[in-house]
Amino acid sequence: MVEVRYFAAIADAVGKDREILDLPAEATVADLRTTLTTTYGPKLDPMLKVCAYLIGDELTRDATARLSSRVDVLPPFAGG
């Protein structure tokens, strides 16, 4: 089980700010992206490809990174 927290545009796209997904213990960021694209539709995939993923204390965009019990999905933020 993985708690997935969504922020900004991703939260808007999936219509929630968090959910629990039943993913295997060895699941990766790529597995999460596949699950989310399957669940919410292929239009979500381009957004997920540019997101950063906070896994524990590590921020990554590496699709092979293994998930932990919680992952934050962070789209690019505009700032200035």
PDB file of N, CA and C in Angstrom:
ATOM      1  N   MET A   1       0.836  -1.175   0.000  1.00  0.00           N
ATOM      2  CA  MET A   1       0.000   0.000   0.000  1.00  0.00           C
ATOM      3  C   MET A   1       0.889   1.250   0.000  1.00  0.00           C
ATOM      4  N   VAL A   2       0.522   2.194  -0.839  1.00  0.00           N
ATOM      5  CA  VAL A   2       1.270   3.439  -0.953  1.00  0.00           C
ATOM      6  C   VAL A   2       0.290   4.604  -0.838  1.00  0.00           C
ATOM      7  N   GLU A   3       0.581   5.531   0.068  1.00  0.00           N
ATOM      8  CA  GLU A   3      -0.206   6.755   0.144  1.00  0.00           C
ATOM      9  C   GLU A   3       0.377   7.718  -0.882  1.00  0.00           C
ATOM     10  N   VAL A   4      -0.461   8.164  -1.800  1.00  0.00           N
ATOM     11  CA  VAL A   4      -0.034   9.096  -2.840  1.00  0.00           C
ATOM     12  C   VAL A   4      -0.711  10.432  -2.559  1.00  0.00           C
ATOM     13  N   ARG A   5       0.106  11.480  -2.440  1.00  0.00           N
ATOM     14  CA  ARG A   5      -0.433  12.819  -2.216  1.00  0.00           C
ATOM     15  C   ARG A   5      -0.187  13.632  -3.476  1.00  0.00           C
ATOM     16  N   TYR A   6      -1.232  14.343  -3.907  1.00  0.00           N
ATOM     17  CA  TYR A   6      -1.188  15.130  -5.142  1.00  0.00           C
ATOM     18  C   TYR A   6      -1.212  16.613  -4.795  1.00  0.00           C
ATOM     19  N   PHE A   7      -0.529  17.399  -5.611  1.00  0.00           N
ATOM     20  CA  PHE A   7      -0.457  18.835  -5.381  1.00  0.00           C
ATOM     21  C   PHE A   7      -0.759  19.592  -6.669  1.00  0.00           C
ATOM     22  N   ALA A   8      -1.294  20.793  -6.507  1.00  0.00           N
ATOM     23  CA  ALA A   8      -1.516  21.750  -7.597  1.00  0.00           C
ATOM     24  C   ALA A   8      -2.274  21.123  -8.772  1.00  0.00           C
ATOM     25  N   ALA A   9      -1.743  21.239  -9.980  1.00  0.00           N
ATOM     26  CA  ALA A   9      -2.443  20.807 -11.194  1.00  0.00           C
ATOM     27  C   ALA A   9      -2.739  19.310 -11.197  1.00  0.00           C
ATOM     28  N   ILE A  10      -1.882  18.511 -10.595  1.00  0.00           N
ATOM     29  CA  ILE A  10      -2.141  17.061 -10.545  1.00  0.00           C
ATOM     30  C   ILE A  10      -3.340  16.779  -9.653  1.00  0.00           C
ATOM     31  N   ALA A  11      -3.435  17.456  -8.519  1.00  0.00           N
ATOM     32  CA  ALA A  11      -4.602  17.290  -7.643  1.00  0.00           C
ATOM     33  C   ALA A  11      -5.878  17.677  -8.383  1.00  0.00           C
ATOM     34  N   ASP A  12      -5.817  18.756  -9.152  1.00  0.00           N
ATOM     35  CA  ASP A  12      -6.979  19.165  -9.940  1.00  0.00           C
ATOM     36  C   ASP A  12      -7.326  18.113 -10.991  1.00  0.00           C
ATOM     37  N   ALA A  13      -6.315  17.557 -11.641  1.00  0.00           N
ATOM     38  CA  ALA A  13      -6.544  16.585 -12.712  1.00  0.00           C
ATOM     39  C   ALA A  13      -7.161  15.286 -12.206  1.00  0.00           C
ATOM     40  N   VAL A  14      -6.748  14.840 -11.018  1.00  0.00           N
ATOM     41  CA  VAL A  14      -7.292  13.580 -10.494  1.00  0.00           C
ATOM     42  C   VAL A  14      -8.500  13.808  -9.592  1.00  0.00           C
ATOM     43  N   GLY A  15      -8.743  15.062  -9.209  1.00  0.00           N
ATOM     44  CA  GLY A  15      -9.924  15.387  -8.421  1.00  0.00           C
ATOM     45  C   GLY A  15      -9.824  15.059  -6.948  1.00  0.00           C
ATOM     46  N   LYS A  16      -8.603  14.944  -6.448  1.00  0.00           N
ATOM     47  CA  LYS A  16      -8.402  14.665  -5.021  1.00  0.00           C
ATOM     48  C   LYS A  16      -6.985  15.055  -4.641  1.00  0.00           C
ATOM     49  N   ASP A  17      -6.740  15.154  -3.342  1.00  0.00           N
ATOM     50  CA  ASP A  17      -5.391  15.522  -2.918  1.00  0.00           C
ATOM     51  C   ASP A  17      -4.593  14.348  -2.365  1.00  0.00           C
ATOM     52  N   ARG A  18      -5.246  13.201  -2.196  1.00  0.00           N
ATOM     53  CA  ARG A  18      -4.534  12.000  -1.735  1.00  0.00           C
ATOM     54  C   ARG A  18      -5.382  10.766  -1.951  1.00  0.00           C
ATOM     55  N   GLU A  19      -4.691   9.643  -2.007  1.00  0.00           N
ATOM     56  CA  GLU A  19      -5.371   8.354  -2.052  1.00  0.00           C
ATOM     57  C   GLU A  19      -4.381   7.265  -1.675  1.00  0.00           C
ATOM     58  N   ILE A  20      -4.902   6.101  -1.354  1.00  0.00           N
ATOM     59  CA  ILE A  20      -4.087   4.931  -1.051  1.00  0.00           C
ATOM     60  C   ILE A  20      -4.197   3.985  -2.239  1.00  0.00           C
ATOM     61  N   LEU A  21      -3.044   3.579  -2.766  1.00  0.00           N
ATOM     62  CA  LEU A  21      -3.018   2.655  -3.896  1.00  0.00           C
ATOM     63  C   LEU A  21      -2.394   1.333  -3.461  1.00  0.00           C
ATOM     64  N   ASP A  22      -2.936   0.254  -3.965  1.00  0.00           N
ATOM     65  CA  ASP A  22      -2.420  -1.076  -3.675  1.00  0.00           C
ATOM     66  C   ASP A  22      -1.370  -1.423  -4.726  1.00  0.00           C
ATOM     67  N   LEU A  23      -0.132  -1.048  -4.447  1.00  0.00           N
ATOM     68  CA  LEU A  23       0.981  -1.317  -5.347  1.00  0.00           C
ATOM     69  C   LEU A  23       1.924  -2.306  -4.674  1.00  0.00           C
ATOM     70  N   PRO A  24       2.613  -3.129  -5.453  1.00  0.00           N
ATOM     71  CA  PRO A  24       3.548  -4.078  -4.850  1.00  0.00           C
ATOM     72  C   PRO A  24       4.717  -3.369  -4.154  1.00  0.00           C
ATOM     73  N   ALA A  25       5.356  -4.063  -3.240  1.00  0.00           N
ATOM     74  CA  ALA A  25       6.448  -3.488  -2.452  1.00  0.00           C
ATOM     75  C   ALA A  25       7.594  -2.981  -3.319  1.00  0.00           C
ATOM     76  N   GLU A  26       7.813  -3.598  -4.462  1.00  0.00           N
ATOM     77  CA  GLU A  26       8.929  -3.209  -5.331  1.00  0.00           C
ATOM     78  C   GLU A  26       8.525  -2.205  -6.408  1.00  0.00           C
ATOM     79  N   ALA A  27       7.357  -1.602  -6.280  1.00  0.00           N
ATOM     80  CA  ALA A  27       6.856  -0.665  -7.293  1.00  0.00           C
ATOM     81  C   ALA A  27       7.776   0.551  -7.440  1.00  0.00           C
ATOM     82  N   THR A  28       7.844   1.059  -8.662  1.00  0.00           N
ATOM     83  CA  THR A  28       8.681   2.207  -8.998  1.00  0.00           C
ATOM     84  C   THR A  28       7.819   3.398  -9.404  1.00  0.00           C
ATOM     85  N   VAL A  29       8.475   4.524  -9.635  1.00  0.00           N
ATOM     86  CA  VAL A  29       7.785   5.703 -10.150  1.00  0.00           C
ATOM     87  C   VAL A  29       7.102   5.365 -11.476  1.00  0.00           C
ATOM     88  N   ALA A  30       7.753   4.589 -12.321  1.00  0.00           N
ATOM     89  CA  ALA A  30       7.145   4.189 -13.604  1.00  0.00           C
ATOM     90  C   ALA A  30       5.868   3.392 -13.369  1.00  0.00           C
ATOM     91  N   ASP A  31       5.874   2.498 -12.392  1.00  0.00           N
ATOM     92  CA  ASP A  31       4.668   1.727 -12.069  1.00  0.00           C
ATOM     93  C   ASP A  31       3.551   2.649 -11.580  1.00  0.00           C
ATOM     94  N   LEU A  32       3.906   3.621 -10.764  1.00  0.00           N
ATOM     95  CA  LEU A  32       2.914   4.585 -10.284  1.00  0.00           C
ATOM     96  C   LEU A  32       2.328   5.367 -11.451  1.00  0.00           C
ATOM     97  N   ARG A  33       3.177   5.846 -12.347  1.00  0.00           N
ATOM     98  CA  ARG A  33       2.687   6.602 -13.513  1.00  0.00           C
ATOM     99  C   ARG A  33       1.762   5.742 -14.364  1.00  0.00           C
ATOM    100  N   THR A  34       2.108   4.482 -14.564  1.00  0.00           N
ATOM    101  CA  THR A  34       1.256   3.577 -15.347  1.00  0.00           C
ATOM    102  C   THR A  34      -0.098   3.393 -14.669  1.00  0.00           C
ATOM    103  N   THR A  35      -0.077   3.186 -13.364  1.00  0.00           N
ATOM    104  CA  THR A  35      -1.328   3.007 -12.616  1.00  0.00           C
ATOM    105  C   THR A  35      -2.199   4.251 -12.704  1.00  0.00           C
ATOM    106  N   LEU A  36      -1.594   5.422 -12.539  1.00  0.00           N
ATOM    107  CA  LEU A  36      -2.370   6.659 -12.581  1.00  0.00           C
ATOM    108  C   LEU A  36      -2.904   6.942 -13.981  1.00  0.00           C
ATOM    109  N   THR A  37      -2.120   6.667 -14.999  1.00  0.00           N
ATOM    110  CA  THR A  37      -2.575   6.878 -16.376  1.00  0.00           C
ATOM    111  C   THR A  37      -3.712   5.918 -16.710  1.00  0.00           C
ATOM    112  N   THR A  38      -3.612   4.684 -16.246  1.00  0.00           N
ATOM    113  CA  THR A  38      -4.675   3.706 -16.464  1.00  0.00           C
ATOM    114  C   THR A  38      -5.956   4.125 -15.745  1.00  0.00           C
ATOM    115  N   THR A  39      -5.799   4.630 -14.530  1.00  0.00           N
ATOM    116  CA  THR A  39      -6.952   5.005 -13.711  1.00  0.00           C
ATOM    117  C   THR A  39      -7.608   6.298 -14.185  1.00  0.00           C
ATOM    118  N   TYR A  40      -6.787   7.303 -14.500  1.00  0.00           N
ATOM    119  CA  TYR A  40      -7.324   8.637 -14.782  1.00  0.00           C
ATOM    120  C   TYR A  40      -7.279   9.034 -16.254  1.00  0.00           C
ATOM    121  N   GLY A  41      -6.718   8.196 -17.091  1.00  0.00           N
ATOM    122  CA  GLY A  41      -6.730   8.456 -18.523  1.00  0.00           C
ATOM    123  C   GLY A  41      -5.386   8.914 -19.064  1.00  0.00           C
ATOM    124  N   PRO A  42      -5.173   8.677 -20.364  1.00  0.00           N
ATOM    125  CA  PRO A  42      -3.887   8.979 -20.990  1.00  0.00           C
ATOM    126  C   PRO A  42      -3.531  10.457 -21.021  1.00  0.00           C
ATOM    127  N   LYS A  43      -4.498  11.342 -20.864  1.00  0.00           N
ATOM    128  CA  LYS A  43      -4.179  12.777 -20.851  1.00  0.00           C
ATOM    129  C   LYS A  43      -3.345  13.163 -19.629  1.00  0.00           C
ATOM    130  N   LEU A  44      -3.352  12.317 -18.609  1.00  0.00           N
ATOM    131  CA  LEU A  44      -2.581  12.598 -17.404  1.00  0.00           C
ATOM    132  C   LEU A  44      -1.087  12.304 -17.604  1.00  0.00           C
ATOM    133  N   ASP A  45      -0.756  11.401 -18.509  1.00  0.00           N
ATOM    134  CA  ASP A  45       0.636  10.962 -18.670  1.00  0.00           C
ATOM    135  C   ASP A  45       1.612  12.098 -18.964  1.00  0.00           C
ATOM    136  N   PRO A  46       1.315  13.030 -19.876  1.00  0.00           N
ATOM    137  CA  PRO A  46       2.280  14.120 -20.113  1.00  0.00           C
ATOM    138  C   PRO A  46       2.551  14.953 -18.854  1.00  0.00           C
ATOM    139  N   MET A  47       1.547  15.121 -18.021  1.00  0.00           N
ATOM    140  CA  MET A  47       1.742  15.852 -16.771  1.00  0.00           C
ATOM    141  C   MET A  47       2.649  15.064 -15.829  1.00  0.00           C
ATOM    142  N   LEU A  48       2.407  13.764 -15.733  1.00  0.00           N
ATOM    143  CA  LEU A  48       3.184  12.934 -14.825  1.00  0.00           C
ATOM    144  C   LEU A  48       4.654  12.861 -15.228  1.00  0.00           C
ATOM    145  N   LYS A  49       4.921  12.954 -16.523  1.00  0.00           N
ATOM    146  CA  LYS A  49       6.306  12.879 -17.003  1.00  0.00           C
ATOM    147  C   LYS A  49       7.144  14.071 -16.571  1.00  0.00           C
ATOM    148  N   VAL A  50       6.523  15.211 -16.317  1.00  0.00           N
ATOM    149  CA  VAL A  50       7.276  16.396 -15.901  1.00  0.00           C
ATOM    150  C   VAL A  50       7.226  16.633 -14.389  1.00  0.00           C
ATOM    151  N   CYS A  51       6.515  15.774 -13.691  1.00  0.00           N
ATOM    152  CA  CYS A  51       6.422  15.906 -12.238  1.00  0.00           C
ATOM    153  C   CYS A  51       7.706  15.434 -11.566  1.00  0.00           C
ATOM    154  N   ALA A  52       7.913  15.953 -10.365  1.00  0.00           N
ATOM    155  CA  ALA A  52       8.917  15.415  -9.456  1.00  0.00           C
ATOM    156  C   ALA A  52       8.162  14.566  -8.430  1.00  0.00           C
ATOM    157  N   TYR A  53       8.860  13.599  -7.879  1.00  0.00           N
ATOM    158  CA  TYR A  53       8.261  12.677  -6.923  1.00  0.00           C
ATOM    159  C   TYR A  53       9.085  12.711  -5.641  1.00  0.00           C
ATOM    160  N   LEU A  54       8.430  13.059  -4.554  1.00  0.00           N
ATOM    161  CA  LEU A  54       9.098  13.084  -3.262  1.00  0.00           C
ATOM    162  C   LEU A  54       8.855  11.742  -2.590  1.00  0.00           C
ATOM    163  N   ILE A  55       9.925  10.973  -2.468  1.00  0.00           N
ATOM    164  CA  ILE A  55       9.862   9.634  -1.878  1.00  0.00           C
ATOM    165  C   ILE A  55      10.729   9.673  -0.626  1.00  0.00           C
ATOM    166  N   GLY A  56      10.086   9.616   0.523  1.00  0.00           N
ATOM    167  CA  GLY A  56      10.834   9.825   1.765  1.00  0.00           C
ATOM    168  C   GLY A  56      11.358  11.248   1.771  1.00  0.00           C
ATOM    169  N   ASP A  57      12.667  11.387   1.881  1.00  0.00           N
ATOM    170  CA  ASP A  57      13.291  12.714   1.864  1.00  0.00           C
ATOM    171  C   ASP A  57      13.961  13.015   0.533  1.00  0.00           C
ATOM    172  N   GLU A  58      13.758  12.156  -0.458  1.00  0.00           N
ATOM    173  CA  GLU A  58      14.438  12.296  -1.744  1.00  0.00           C
ATOM    174  C   GLU A  58      13.472  12.771  -2.834  1.00  0.00           C
ATOM    175  N   LEU A  59      13.843  13.843  -3.502  1.00  0.00           N
ATOM    176  CA  LEU A  59      13.083  14.348  -4.635  1.00  0.00           C
ATOM    177  C   LEU A  59      13.698  13.774  -5.903  1.00  0.00           C
ATOM    178  N   THR A  60      12.875  13.141  -6.745  1.00  0.00           N
ATOM    179  CA  THR A  60      13.409  12.476  -7.927  1.00  0.00           C
ATOM    180  C   THR A  60      12.466  12.616  -9.111  1.00  0.00           C
ATOM    181  N   ARG A  61      13.037  12.453 -10.287  1.00  0.00           N
ATOM    182  CA  ARG A  61      12.274  12.310 -11.521  1.00  0.00           C
ATOM    183  C   ARG A  61      12.633  10.979 -12.186  1.00  0.00           C
ATOM    184  N   ASP A  62      13.417  10.176 -11.499  1.00  0.00           N
ATOM    185  CA  ASP A  62      13.898   8.893 -11.999  1.00  0.00           C
ATOM    186  C   ASP A  62      12.758   7.873 -11.992  1.00  0.00           C
ATOM    187  N   ALA A  63      12.388   7.409 -13.172  1.00  0.00           N
ATOM    188  CA  ALA A  63      11.278   6.457 -13.299  1.00  0.00           C
ATOM    189  C   ALA A  63      11.580   5.115 -12.644  1.00  0.00           C
ATOM    190  N   THR A  64      12.861   4.811 -12.412  1.00  0.00           N
ATOM    191  CA  THR A  64      13.219   3.532 -11.800  1.00  0.00           C
ATOM    192  C   THR A  64      13.302   3.608 -10.279  1.00  0.00           C
ATOM    193  N   ALA A  65      13.096   4.793  -9.705  1.00  0.00           N
ATOM    194  CA  ALA A  65      13.159   4.944  -8.249  1.00  0.00           C
ATOM    195  C   ALA A  65      12.042   4.135  -7.601  1.00  0.00           C
ATOM    196  N   ARG A  66      12.403   3.389  -6.568  1.00  0.00           N
ATOM    197  CA  ARG A  66      11.403   2.586  -5.860  1.00  0.00           C
ATOM    198  C   ARG A  66      10.608   3.458  -4.900  1.00  0.00           C
ATOM    199  N   LEU A  67       9.335   3.163  -4.812  1.00  0.00           N
ATOM    200  CA  LEU A  67       8.434   3.918  -3.947  1.00  0.00           C
ATOM    201  C   LEU A  67       8.591   3.477  -2.501  1.00  0.00           C
ATOM    202  N   SER A  68       8.164   4.316  -1.597  1.00  0.00           N
ATOM    203  CA  SER A  68       8.074   3.963  -0.186  1.00  0.00           C
ATOM    204  C   SER A  68       6.594   3.943   0.185  1.00  0.00           C
ATOM    205  N   SER A  69       6.295   4.017   1.453  1.00  0.00           N
ATOM    206  CA  SER A  69       4.890   3.963   1.872  1.00  0.00           C
ATOM    207  C   SER A  69       4.137   5.248   1.554  1.00  0.00           C
ATOM    208  N   ARG A  70       4.884   6.330   1.230  1.00  0.00           N
ATOM    209  CA  ARG A  70       4.230   7.572   0.839  1.00  0.00           C
ATOM    210  C   ARG A  70       5.051   8.259  -0.244  1.00  0.00           C
ATOM    211  N   VAL A  71       4.337   8.779  -1.242  1.00  0.00           N
ATOM    212  CA  VAL A  71       4.993   9.531  -2.310  1.00  0.00           C
ATOM    213  C   VAL A  71       4.153  10.759  -2.620  1.00  0.00           C
ATOM    214  N   ASP A  72       4.825  11.882  -2.779  1.00  0.00           N
ATOM    215  CA  ASP A  72       4.160  13.128  -3.164  1.00  0.00           C
ATOM    216  C   ASP A  72       4.411  13.359  -4.649  1.00  0.00           C
ATOM    217  N   VAL A  73       3.367  13.674  -5.386  1.00  0.00           N
ATOM    218  CA  VAL A  73       3.464  13.959  -6.819  1.00  0.00           C
ATOM    219  C   VAL A  73       3.410  15.475  -6.980  1.00  0.00           C
ATOM    220  N   LEU A  74       4.529  16.037  -7.433  1.00  0.00           N
ATOM    221  CA  LEU A  74       4.692  17.487  -7.473  1.00  0.00           C
ATOM    222  C   LEU A  74       4.890  17.982  -8.897  1.00  0.00           C
ATOM    223  N   PRO A  75       3.888  18.647  -9.451  1.00  0.00           N
ATOM    224  CA  PRO A  75       4.069  19.216 -10.789  1.00  0.00           C
ATOM    225  C   PRO A  75       5.002  20.424 -10.720  1.00  0.00           C
ATOM    226  N   PRO A  76       5.520  20.845 -11.858  1.00  0.00           N
ATOM    227  CA  PRO A  76       6.350  22.058 -11.845  1.00  0.00           C
ATOM    228  C   PRO A  76       5.518  23.240 -11.322  1.00  0.00           C
ATOM    229  N   PHE A  77       6.151  24.036 -10.487  1.00  0.00           N
ATOM    230  CA  PHE A  77       5.491  25.206  -9.928  1.00  0.00           C
ATOM    231  C   PHE A  77       6.059  26.449 -10.598  1.00  0.00           C
ATOM    232  N   ALA A  78       5.194  27.371 -10.933  1.00  0.00           N
ATOM    233  CA  ALA A  78       5.661  28.669 -11.458  1.00  0.00           C
ATOM    234  C   ALA A  78       6.051  29.520 -10.266  1.00  0.00           C
ATOM    235  N   GLY A  79       7.058  30.287 -10.418  1.00  0.00           N
ATOM    236  CA  GLY A  79       7.480  31.139  -9.309  1.00  0.00           C
ATOM    237  C   GLY A  79       8.240  32.336  -9.825  1.00  0.00           C
ATOM    238  N   GLY A  80       8.511  33.199  -8.929  1.00  0.00           N
ATOM    239  CA  GLY A  80       9.271  34.351  -9.362  1.00  0.00           C
ATOM    240  C   GLY A  80       9.555  35.310  -8.261  1.00  0.00           C
TER     241      GLY A  80
END
